[in-house]
Amino acid sequence: MVALQVQEVVAKEQLLNMKNSLLYIFVLLSFSSFSQDTLAELLDKHNRQSIPYISVNELAELKSQTNLLDAREPAEYNVSHLQNAIYVGYDDFKLKNITQQLPDKTSKIVVYCSLGVRSEDIAEKLKKAGYTNVYNLYGGIFEWKNNDFPVFTNEDQETENVHAFSEKWSKWLLKGKQVYNE
């Protein structure tokens, strides 16, 4: 009888240890699948690299020769955007609006969003529509601001405010003031 009780206790301990091990593995996998250590890892995870990237430094040098398209939502754009950027949106993107505003399909276009994920989707639509000189801003407006380049309000005033999109994505905005809803 005592031997049976000892076996039951040992079996319960083994089961508890197995449950704890599984819980530990689950927690570890959960954190590793939702976090990236670098911007490159984040973009590799979410993008197909179907559109060539342009760095913020390259864009700063060529900005006057480039059409900038902001592929964020209105609330984000209204907080701040790159100077002279055309709002095109993401959820409400309409290709027809772009073809009317930018009829020259060989003109240089740089699409950006917060980090460069949504902008790749919009840039792919432009590429499918025949635009041949389209780029995705690597790291988006966050990387632009992180490199001390200015962002502007709708009144063309420089601001430190940048819409941080979400708590999860805000960790990539290292400079400026994070804004969530305005």
N, C-alpha and C. Protein backbone atom coordinates (compact mmCIF):
# COMPACT_ATOMS: atom_id res chain seq x y z
N MET A 1 0.82 -1.19 0.00
CA MET A 1 0.00 0.00 0.00
C MET A 1 0.86 1.26 0.00
N VAL A 2 1.91 1.27 0.83
CA VAL A 2 2.80 2.42 0.91
C VAL A 2 3.53 2.59 -0.41
N ALA A 3 3.95 1.50 -1.02
CA ALA A 3 4.65 1.58 -2.31
C ALA A 3 3.75 2.19 -3.38
N LEU A 4 2.47 1.88 -3.36
CA LEU A 4 1.52 2.44 -4.31
C LEU A 4 1.37 3.95 -4.10
N GLN A 5 1.31 4.38 -2.84
CA GLN A 5 1.20 5.80 -2.55
C GLN A 5 2.47 6.55 -3.00
N VAL A 6 3.64 5.95 -2.80
CA VAL A 6 4.89 6.56 -3.22
C VAL A 6 4.90 6.70 -4.75
N GLN A 7 4.44 5.66 -5.45
CA GLN A 7 4.39 5.73 -6.91
C GLN A 7 3.44 6.84 -7.38
N GLU A 8 2.31 7.02 -6.69
CA GLU A 8 1.37 8.07 -7.06
C GLU A 8 1.99 9.45 -6.86
N VAL A 9 2.70 9.63 -5.75
CA VAL A 9 3.35 10.91 -5.47
C VAL A 9 4.42 11.21 -6.53
N VAL A 10 5.22 10.21 -6.88
CA VAL A 10 6.25 10.38 -7.90
C VAL A 10 5.61 10.71 -9.25
N ALA A 11 4.53 10.02 -9.59
CA ALA A 11 3.85 10.28 -10.87
C ALA A 11 3.28 11.70 -10.90
N LYS A 12 2.71 12.16 -9.77
CA LYS A 12 2.17 13.52 -9.72
C LYS A 12 3.29 14.55 -9.87
N GLU A 13 4.43 14.29 -9.22
CA GLU A 13 5.56 15.21 -9.34
C GLU A 13 6.07 15.26 -10.79
N GLN A 14 6.13 14.11 -11.44
CA GLN A 14 6.59 14.08 -12.83
C GLN A 14 5.62 14.84 -13.73
N LEU A 15 4.33 14.65 -13.49
CA LEU A 15 3.32 15.36 -14.27
C LEU A 15 3.41 16.87 -14.04
N LEU A 16 3.61 17.28 -12.81
CA LEU A 16 3.75 18.69 -12.49
C LEU A 16 5.00 19.26 -13.15
N ASN A 17 6.11 18.53 -13.11
CA ASN A 17 7.34 18.98 -13.76
C ASN A 17 7.15 19.11 -15.27
N MET A 18 6.43 18.16 -15.86
CA MET A 18 6.17 18.21 -17.30
C MET A 18 5.30 19.43 -17.63
N LYS A 19 4.28 19.70 -16.82
CA LYS A 19 3.42 20.85 -17.04
C LYS A 19 4.23 22.15 -16.94
N ASN A 20 5.08 22.23 -15.94
CA ASN A 20 5.92 23.42 -15.77
C ASN A 20 6.86 23.60 -16.95
N SER A 21 7.42 22.49 -17.43
CA SER A 21 8.32 22.56 -18.58
C SER A 21 7.57 23.04 -19.82
N LEU A 22 6.38 22.51 -20.04
CA LEU A 22 5.57 22.93 -21.18
C LEU A 22 5.18 24.40 -21.07
N LEU A 23 4.83 24.84 -19.88
CA LEU A 23 4.48 26.24 -19.67
C LEU A 23 5.68 27.12 -19.97
N TYR A 24 6.85 26.74 -19.49
CA TYR A 24 8.08 27.49 -19.74
C TYR A 24 8.36 27.58 -21.24
N ILE A 25 8.23 26.47 -21.94
CA ILE A 25 8.47 26.45 -23.39
C ILE A 25 7.46 27.35 -24.10
N PHE A 26 6.20 27.28 -23.69
CA PHE A 26 5.16 28.10 -24.31
C PHE A 26 5.46 29.59 -24.11
N VAL A 27 5.82 29.98 -22.90
CA VAL A 27 6.12 31.39 -22.62
C VAL A 27 7.33 31.84 -23.44
N LEU A 28 8.34 31.02 -23.49
CA LEU A 28 9.54 31.35 -24.24
C LEU A 28 9.23 31.53 -25.73
N LEU A 29 8.46 30.61 -26.29
CA LEU A 29 8.09 30.71 -27.70
C LEU A 29 7.19 31.91 -27.96
N SER A 30 6.31 32.22 -27.04
CA SER A 30 5.42 33.37 -27.20
C SER A 30 6.21 34.66 -27.31
N PHE A 31 7.15 34.83 -26.41
CA PHE A 31 7.95 36.06 -26.44
C PHE A 31 8.84 36.11 -27.67
N SER A 32 9.40 34.99 -28.05
CA SER A 32 10.31 35.02 -29.20
C SER A 32 9.58 35.26 -30.51
N SER A 33 8.33 34.85 -30.61
CA SER A 33 7.61 35.04 -31.87
C SER A 33 7.02 36.44 -32.00
N PHE A 34 6.89 37.17 -30.90
CA PHE A 34 6.30 38.50 -30.97
C PHE A 34 7.32 39.63 -30.86
N SER A 35 8.55 39.29 -30.61
CA SER A 35 9.53 40.36 -30.49
C SER A 35 10.70 40.13 -31.42
N GLN A 36 11.19 41.22 -31.93
CA GLN A 36 12.37 41.16 -32.77
C GLN A 36 13.43 42.03 -32.10
N ASP A 37 14.68 41.62 -32.23
CA ASP A 37 15.76 42.36 -31.62
C ASP A 37 16.19 43.54 -32.46
N THR A 38 16.00 43.47 -33.75
CA THR A 38 16.44 44.55 -34.63
C THR A 38 15.34 44.91 -35.62
N LEU A 39 15.48 46.10 -36.16
CA LEU A 39 14.54 46.54 -37.19
C LEU A 39 14.63 45.63 -38.41
N ALA A 40 15.83 45.21 -38.75
CA ALA A 40 16.01 44.30 -39.89
C ALA A 40 15.21 43.01 -39.70
N GLU A 41 15.24 42.45 -38.49
CA GLU A 41 14.48 41.22 -38.21
C GLU A 41 12.99 41.47 -38.32
N LEU A 42 12.53 42.61 -37.83
CA LEU A 42 11.12 42.95 -37.91
C LEU A 42 10.67 43.04 -39.37
N LEU A 43 11.44 43.76 -40.18
CA LEU A 43 11.07 43.92 -41.59
C LEU A 43 11.20 42.61 -42.36
N ASP A 44 12.20 41.81 -42.02
CA ASP A 44 12.32 40.49 -42.66
C ASP A 44 11.11 39.62 -42.36
N LYS A 45 10.60 39.75 -41.15
CA LYS A 45 9.45 38.93 -40.75
C LYS A 45 8.17 39.35 -41.47
N HIS A 46 7.98 40.67 -41.64
CA HIS A 46 6.70 41.18 -42.15
C HIS A 46 6.70 41.55 -43.63
N ASN A 47 7.86 41.69 -44.23
CA ASN A 47 7.93 42.11 -45.63
C ASN A 47 8.45 41.01 -46.53
N ARG A 48 8.15 41.16 -47.81
CA ARG A 48 8.62 40.22 -48.83
C ARG A 48 9.85 40.75 -49.56
N GLN A 49 10.24 42.00 -49.28
CA GLN A 49 11.33 42.69 -49.97
C GLN A 49 11.09 42.72 -51.48
N SER A 50 9.84 42.88 -51.86
CA SER A 50 9.47 42.96 -53.27
C SER A 50 9.70 44.35 -53.84
N ILE A 51 9.89 45.31 -52.96
CA ILE A 51 10.14 46.71 -53.35
C ILE A 51 11.49 47.09 -52.76
N PRO A 52 12.36 47.71 -53.53
CA PRO A 52 13.66 48.08 -52.97
C PRO A 52 13.51 49.13 -51.87
N TYR A 53 14.34 48.99 -50.86
CA TYR A 53 14.37 49.98 -49.78
C TYR A 53 15.22 51.17 -50.20
N ILE A 54 14.91 52.30 -49.60
CA ILE A 54 15.77 53.47 -49.65
C ILE A 54 15.98 53.88 -48.20
N SER A 55 17.20 54.22 -47.84
CA SER A 55 17.48 54.60 -46.46
C SER A 55 17.05 56.05 -46.22
N VAL A 56 16.90 56.41 -44.96
CA VAL A 56 16.52 57.79 -44.65
C VAL A 56 17.61 58.76 -45.09
N ASN A 57 18.87 58.36 -45.00
CA ASN A 57 19.96 59.24 -45.44
C ASN A 57 19.94 59.44 -46.95
N GLU A 58 19.68 58.36 -47.70
CA GLU A 58 19.57 58.49 -49.16
C GLU A 58 18.41 59.41 -49.52
N LEU A 59 17.28 59.22 -48.83
CA LEU A 59 16.12 60.05 -49.12
C LEU A 59 16.39 61.50 -48.79
N ALA A 60 17.06 61.77 -47.70
CA ALA A 60 17.36 63.15 -47.31
C ALA A 60 18.15 63.86 -48.41
N GLU A 61 19.02 63.14 -49.08
CA GLU A 61 19.82 63.73 -50.16
C GLU A 61 19.00 63.95 -51.43
N LEU A 62 18.00 63.11 -51.67
CA LEU A 62 17.24 63.15 -52.92
C LEU A 62 15.82 63.70 -52.76
N LYS A 63 15.49 64.17 -51.58
CA LYS A 63 14.10 64.50 -51.26
C LYS A 63 13.46 65.46 -52.26
N SER A 64 14.19 66.43 -52.74
CA SER A 64 13.60 67.42 -53.65
C SER A 64 13.26 66.81 -55.01
N GLN A 65 13.85 65.68 -55.34
CA GLN A 65 13.61 65.02 -56.63
C GLN A 65 12.66 63.82 -56.48
N THR A 66 11.99 63.73 -55.34
CA THR A 66 11.22 62.53 -55.02
C THR A 66 9.78 62.88 -54.65
N ASN A 67 8.86 62.06 -55.10
CA ASN A 67 7.46 62.15 -54.67
C ASN A 67 7.30 61.27 -53.44
N LEU A 68 6.90 61.86 -52.32
CA LEU A 68 6.72 61.12 -51.08
C LEU A 68 5.26 60.79 -50.88
N LEU A 69 4.98 59.51 -50.61
CA LEU A 69 3.61 59.07 -50.35
C LEU A 69 3.53 58.49 -48.95
N ASP A 70 2.61 59.01 -48.15
CA ASP A 70 2.41 58.56 -46.77
C ASP A 70 1.30 57.53 -46.75
N ALA A 71 1.66 56.29 -46.41
CA ALA A 71 0.71 55.17 -46.43
C ALA A 71 0.19 54.83 -45.04
N ARG A 72 0.06 55.83 -44.21
CA ARG A 72 -0.50 55.62 -42.87
C ARG A 72 -1.96 56.08 -42.87
N GLU A 73 -2.59 55.97 -41.74
CA GLU A 73 -3.98 56.38 -41.61
C GLU A 73 -4.07 57.88 -41.33
N PRO A 74 -5.23 58.50 -41.56
CA PRO A 74 -5.36 59.95 -41.38
C PRO A 74 -4.91 60.45 -39.99
N ALA A 75 -5.27 59.74 -38.94
CA ALA A 75 -4.88 60.19 -37.59
C ALA A 75 -3.36 60.24 -37.45
N GLU A 76 -2.67 59.30 -38.07
CA GLU A 76 -1.21 59.29 -38.02
C GLU A 76 -0.63 60.45 -38.82
N TYR A 77 -1.11 60.61 -40.04
CA TYR A 77 -0.64 61.68 -40.92
C TYR A 77 -0.89 63.05 -40.30
N ASN A 78 -2.05 63.22 -39.67
CA ASN A 78 -2.41 64.51 -39.10
C ASN A 78 -1.54 64.90 -37.92
N VAL A 79 -0.93 63.94 -37.23
CA VAL A 79 -0.01 64.26 -36.13
C VAL A 79 1.27 64.83 -36.71
N SER A 80 1.84 64.14 -37.68
CA SER A 80 3.03 64.62 -38.38
C SER A 80 3.31 63.74 -39.58
N HIS A 81 4.10 64.30 -40.49
CA HIS A 81 4.48 63.58 -41.71
C HIS A 81 5.74 64.22 -42.27
N LEU A 82 6.33 63.57 -43.24
CA LEU A 82 7.48 64.16 -43.91
C LEU A 82 6.99 65.35 -44.73
N GLN A 83 7.82 66.38 -44.79
CA GLN A 83 7.42 67.59 -45.50
C GLN A 83 7.11 67.29 -46.96
N ASN A 84 6.00 67.83 -47.42
CA ASN A 84 5.51 67.69 -48.80
C ASN A 84 5.04 66.28 -49.15
N ALA A 85 4.84 65.45 -48.16
CA ALA A 85 4.33 64.10 -48.43
C ALA A 85 2.85 64.17 -48.81
N ILE A 86 2.49 63.33 -49.75
CA ILE A 86 1.10 63.21 -50.18
C ILE A 86 0.46 62.08 -49.37
N TYR A 87 -0.65 62.39 -48.71
CA TYR A 87 -1.36 61.35 -47.97
C TYR A 87 -2.06 60.42 -48.96
N VAL A 88 -1.78 59.12 -48.86
CA VAL A 88 -2.47 58.14 -49.70
C VAL A 88 -3.22 57.12 -48.86
N GLY A 89 -2.88 57.02 -47.59
CA GLY A 89 -3.56 56.09 -46.70
C GLY A 89 -3.19 54.65 -46.95
N TYR A 90 -3.79 53.80 -46.17
CA TYR A 90 -3.59 52.37 -46.30
C TYR A 90 -4.94 51.68 -46.46
N ASP A 91 -5.78 51.78 -45.45
CA ASP A 91 -7.10 51.14 -45.52
C ASP A 91 -7.95 51.74 -46.63
N ASP A 92 -7.81 53.04 -46.86
CA ASP A 92 -8.64 53.70 -47.87
C ASP A 92 -7.83 54.11 -49.10
N PHE A 93 -6.72 53.42 -49.36
CA PHE A 93 -5.88 53.72 -50.53
C PHE A 93 -6.67 53.54 -51.82
N LYS A 94 -6.55 54.55 -52.69
CA LYS A 94 -7.21 54.49 -54.00
C LYS A 94 -6.16 54.79 -55.08
N LEU A 95 -5.85 53.79 -55.85
CA LEU A 95 -4.85 53.91 -56.91
C LEU A 95 -5.19 55.03 -57.88
N LYS A 96 -6.46 55.19 -58.17
CA LYS A 96 -6.91 56.22 -59.12
C LYS A 96 -6.44 57.61 -58.69
N ASN A 97 -6.46 57.88 -57.39
CA ASN A 97 -6.01 59.19 -56.89
C ASN A 97 -4.53 59.42 -57.22
N ILE A 98 -3.74 58.38 -57.13
CA ILE A 98 -2.30 58.50 -57.41
C ILE A 98 -2.07 58.68 -58.90
N THR A 99 -2.75 57.91 -59.71
CA THR A 99 -2.53 58.03 -61.16
C THR A 99 -2.95 59.41 -61.66
N GLN A 100 -3.90 60.05 -60.98
CA GLN A 100 -4.28 61.41 -61.35
C GLN A 100 -3.23 62.43 -60.89
N GLN A 101 -2.70 62.24 -59.68
CA GLN A 101 -1.73 63.19 -59.14
C GLN A 101 -0.32 62.98 -59.70
N LEU A 102 0.02 61.73 -60.01
CA LEU A 102 1.35 61.39 -60.51
C LEU A 102 1.22 60.58 -61.80
N PRO A 103 0.88 61.24 -62.90
CA PRO A 103 0.67 60.50 -64.15
C PRO A 103 1.96 59.93 -64.75
N ASP A 104 3.12 60.52 -64.44
CA ASP A 104 4.40 60.03 -64.98
C ASP A 104 4.82 58.80 -64.20
N LYS A 105 4.67 57.65 -64.81
CA LYS A 105 4.95 56.39 -64.11
C LYS A 105 6.44 56.08 -63.98
N THR A 106 7.29 56.98 -64.49
CA THR A 106 8.73 56.81 -64.32
C THR A 106 9.29 57.73 -63.23
N SER A 107 8.44 58.59 -62.66
CA SER A 107 8.92 59.50 -61.62
C SER A 107 9.31 58.73 -60.36
N LYS A 108 10.27 59.26 -59.64
CA LYS A 108 10.75 58.60 -58.42
C LYS A 108 9.72 58.78 -57.31
N ILE A 109 9.31 57.65 -56.72
CA ILE A 109 8.32 57.64 -55.65
C ILE A 109 8.89 56.88 -54.46
N VAL A 110 8.76 57.49 -53.29
CA VAL A 110 9.12 56.80 -52.05
C VAL A 110 7.87 56.74 -51.19
N VAL A 111 7.49 55.52 -50.83
CA VAL A 111 6.32 55.30 -49.99
C VAL A 111 6.83 55.01 -48.59
N TYR A 112 6.16 55.60 -47.59
CA TYR A 112 6.56 55.32 -46.21
C TYR A 112 5.32 55.14 -45.33
N CYS A 113 5.54 54.50 -44.20
CA CYS A 113 4.53 54.37 -43.15
C CYS A 113 5.28 54.53 -41.83
N SER A 114 4.86 53.85 -40.78
CA SER A 114 5.56 53.96 -39.50
C SER A 114 6.94 53.32 -39.56
N LEU A 115 6.99 52.08 -40.08
CA LEU A 115 8.26 51.33 -40.09
C LEU A 115 8.64 50.78 -41.46
N GLY A 116 7.69 50.66 -42.37
CA GLY A 116 8.01 50.13 -43.69
C GLY A 116 7.27 48.87 -44.05
N VAL A 117 6.23 48.52 -43.29
CA VAL A 117 5.46 47.31 -43.58
C VAL A 117 4.27 47.64 -44.48
N ARG A 118 3.42 48.55 -44.04
CA ARG A 118 2.26 48.94 -44.86
C ARG A 118 2.70 49.59 -46.17
N SER A 119 3.79 50.34 -46.10
CA SER A 119 4.27 51.03 -47.30
C SER A 119 4.69 50.06 -48.39
N GLU A 120 5.19 48.88 -48.00
CA GLU A 120 5.53 47.89 -49.02
C GLU A 120 4.28 47.45 -49.76
N ASP A 121 3.19 47.25 -49.05
CA ASP A 121 1.93 46.84 -49.70
C ASP A 121 1.46 47.88 -50.72
N ILE A 122 1.52 49.15 -50.32
CA ILE A 122 1.08 50.22 -51.22
C ILE A 122 2.03 50.33 -52.41
N ALA A 123 3.33 50.23 -52.15
CA ALA A 123 4.32 50.29 -53.23
C ALA A 123 4.13 49.15 -54.23
N GLU A 124 3.76 47.97 -53.73
CA GLU A 124 3.48 46.84 -54.64
C GLU A 124 2.31 47.16 -55.56
N LYS A 125 1.29 47.82 -55.04
CA LYS A 125 0.14 48.20 -55.87
C LYS A 125 0.57 49.19 -56.95
N LEU A 126 1.44 50.11 -56.59
CA LEU A 126 1.94 51.07 -57.58
C LEU A 126 2.76 50.36 -58.65
N LYS A 127 3.58 49.44 -58.23
CA LYS A 127 4.42 48.68 -59.17
C LYS A 127 3.53 47.88 -60.14
N LYS A 128 2.48 47.25 -59.63
CA LYS A 128 1.56 46.48 -60.48
C LYS A 128 0.82 47.39 -61.46
N ALA A 129 0.66 48.66 -61.07
CA ALA A 129 -0.04 49.62 -61.93
C ALA A 129 0.90 50.24 -62.97
N GLY A 130 2.17 49.82 -62.96
CA GLY A 130 3.10 50.27 -63.99
C GLY A 130 4.13 51.30 -63.55
N TYR A 131 4.10 51.71 -62.30
CA TYR A 131 5.13 52.64 -61.82
C TYR A 131 6.45 51.88 -61.71
N THR A 132 7.51 52.47 -62.22
CA THR A 132 8.77 51.74 -62.37
C THR A 132 9.88 52.20 -61.44
N ASN A 133 9.68 53.28 -60.71
CA ASN A 133 10.74 53.85 -59.89
C ASN A 133 10.23 54.06 -58.46
N VAL A 134 9.79 52.96 -57.84
CA VAL A 134 9.13 53.01 -56.54
C VAL A 134 10.03 52.39 -55.48
N TYR A 135 10.11 53.07 -54.33
CA TYR A 135 10.94 52.61 -53.21
C TYR A 135 10.14 52.62 -51.92
N ASN A 136 10.59 51.81 -50.98
CA ASN A 136 10.01 51.72 -49.65
C ASN A 136 11.01 52.32 -48.67
N LEU A 137 10.58 53.29 -47.86
CA LEU A 137 11.49 53.92 -46.90
C LEU A 137 11.78 52.96 -45.76
N TYR A 138 13.03 52.56 -45.66
CA TYR A 138 13.46 51.60 -44.65
C TYR A 138 13.30 52.20 -43.25
N GLY A 139 12.44 51.59 -42.45
CA GLY A 139 12.20 52.07 -41.09
C GLY A 139 11.17 53.17 -41.00
N GLY A 140 10.65 53.62 -42.13
CA GLY A 140 9.56 54.58 -42.17
C GLY A 140 9.83 55.88 -41.45
N ILE A 141 8.74 56.52 -41.03
CA ILE A 141 8.84 57.81 -40.35
C ILE A 141 9.55 57.67 -39.00
N PHE A 142 9.48 56.49 -38.39
CA PHE A 142 10.18 56.29 -37.11
C PHE A 142 11.69 56.42 -37.33
N GLU A 143 12.21 55.76 -38.34
CA GLU A 143 13.65 55.82 -38.62
C GLU A 143 14.05 57.22 -39.07
N TRP A 144 13.17 57.88 -39.80
CA TRP A 144 13.41 59.26 -40.22
C TRP A 144 13.61 60.14 -38.98
N LYS A 145 12.69 60.05 -38.04
CA LYS A 145 12.77 60.86 -36.82
C LYS A 145 13.94 60.42 -35.95
N ASN A 146 14.19 59.12 -35.87
CA ASN A 146 15.31 58.61 -35.07
C ASN A 146 16.66 59.14 -35.56
N ASN A 147 16.72 59.53 -36.83
CA ASN A 147 17.94 60.08 -37.41
C ASN A 147 17.93 61.61 -37.43
N ASP A 148 17.06 62.18 -36.61
CA ASP A 148 17.00 63.63 -36.40
C ASP A 148 16.56 64.42 -37.62
N PHE A 149 15.83 63.79 -38.54
CA PHE A 149 15.25 64.53 -39.65
C PHE A 149 13.89 65.07 -39.20
N PRO A 150 13.49 66.22 -39.72
CA PRO A 150 12.27 66.86 -39.22
C PRO A 150 10.98 66.24 -39.76
N VAL A 151 9.94 66.34 -38.95
CA VAL A 151 8.58 65.99 -39.37
C VAL A 151 7.72 67.24 -39.17
N PHE A 152 6.59 67.28 -39.90
CA PHE A 152 5.82 68.51 -39.95
C PHE A 152 4.33 68.26 -39.71
N THR A 153 3.67 69.31 -39.22
CA THR A 153 2.22 69.28 -39.03
C THR A 153 1.53 69.63 -40.35
N ASN A 154 0.21 69.58 -40.35
CA ASN A 154 -0.56 69.98 -41.54
C ASN A 154 -0.39 71.46 -41.85
N GLU A 155 0.02 72.24 -40.85
CA GLU A 155 0.25 73.67 -41.05
C GLU A 155 1.69 73.95 -41.47
N ASP A 156 2.43 72.88 -41.82
CA ASP A 156 3.82 72.96 -42.26
C ASP A 156 4.75 73.51 -41.18
N GLN A 157 4.42 73.20 -39.93
CA GLN A 157 5.26 73.57 -38.79
C GLN A 157 6.01 72.34 -38.32
N GLU A 158 7.30 72.50 -38.06
CA GLU A 158 8.08 71.38 -37.54
C GLU A 158 7.56 71.00 -36.15
N THR A 159 7.54 69.70 -35.88
CA THR A 159 7.05 69.20 -34.61
C THR A 159 7.88 68.01 -34.14
N GLU A 160 7.83 67.76 -32.86
CA GLU A 160 8.48 66.57 -32.29
C GLU A 160 7.50 65.40 -32.23
N ASN A 161 6.22 65.65 -32.42
CA ASN A 161 5.19 64.62 -32.31
C ASN A 161 5.24 63.65 -33.49
N VAL A 162 5.15 62.38 -33.16
CA VAL A 162 5.05 61.32 -34.16
C VAL A 162 4.02 60.33 -33.66
N HIS A 163 3.06 60.00 -34.50
CA HIS A 163 2.07 58.99 -34.11
C HIS A 163 2.79 57.65 -33.99
N ALA A 164 2.70 57.03 -32.83
CA ALA A 164 3.46 55.80 -32.55
C ALA A 164 2.75 54.53 -32.99
N PHE A 165 1.59 54.64 -33.62
CA PHE A 165 0.81 53.53 -34.16
C PHE A 165 0.22 52.64 -33.07
N SER A 166 1.06 52.01 -32.22
CA SER A 166 0.56 51.17 -31.14
C SER A 166 1.66 51.02 -30.10
N GLU A 167 1.29 50.53 -28.93
CA GLU A 167 2.28 50.28 -27.88
C GLU A 167 3.33 49.29 -28.37
N LYS A 168 2.91 48.26 -29.09
CA LYS A 168 3.84 47.24 -29.58
C LYS A 168 4.88 47.83 -30.52
N TRP A 169 4.45 48.68 -31.43
CA TRP A 169 5.36 49.23 -32.44
C TRP A 169 6.12 50.45 -31.93
N SER A 170 5.63 51.07 -30.86
CA SER A 170 6.23 52.31 -30.39
C SER A 170 7.67 52.14 -29.92
N LYS A 171 8.07 50.93 -29.60
CA LYS A 171 9.45 50.73 -29.13
C LYS A 171 10.48 51.09 -30.19
N TRP A 172 10.05 51.18 -31.44
CA TRP A 172 10.96 51.50 -32.53
C TRP A 172 11.13 53.00 -32.73
N LEU A 173 10.28 53.80 -32.09
CA LEU A 173 10.42 55.26 -32.17
C LEU A 173 11.24 55.71 -30.97
N LEU A 174 12.49 56.05 -31.22
CA LEU A 174 13.42 56.36 -30.14
C LEU A 174 13.55 57.86 -29.88
N LYS A 175 13.18 58.67 -30.83
CA LYS A 175 13.28 60.12 -30.68
C LYS A 175 11.92 60.74 -30.98
N GLY A 176 11.75 61.97 -30.54
CA GLY A 176 10.47 62.64 -30.73
C GLY A 176 9.51 62.25 -29.63
N LYS A 177 8.32 62.79 -29.71
CA LYS A 177 7.28 62.54 -28.72
C LYS A 177 6.26 61.57 -29.29
N GLN A 178 6.08 60.44 -28.62
CA GLN A 178 5.11 59.45 -29.07
C GLN A 178 3.69 59.94 -28.80
N VAL A 179 2.87 59.91 -29.85
CA VAL A 179 1.47 60.29 -29.75
C VAL A 179 0.65 59.12 -30.24
N TYR A 180 -0.47 58.85 -29.60
CA TYR A 180 -1.31 57.73 -30.02
C TYR A 180 -2.61 58.16 -30.67
N ASN A 181 -3.30 59.11 -30.11
CA ASN A 181 -4.55 59.58 -30.72
C ASN A 181 -4.63 61.08 -30.57
N GLU A 182 -4.89 61.74 -31.67
CA GLU A 182 -5.09 63.19 -31.66
C GLU A 182 -6.17 63.57 -32.61
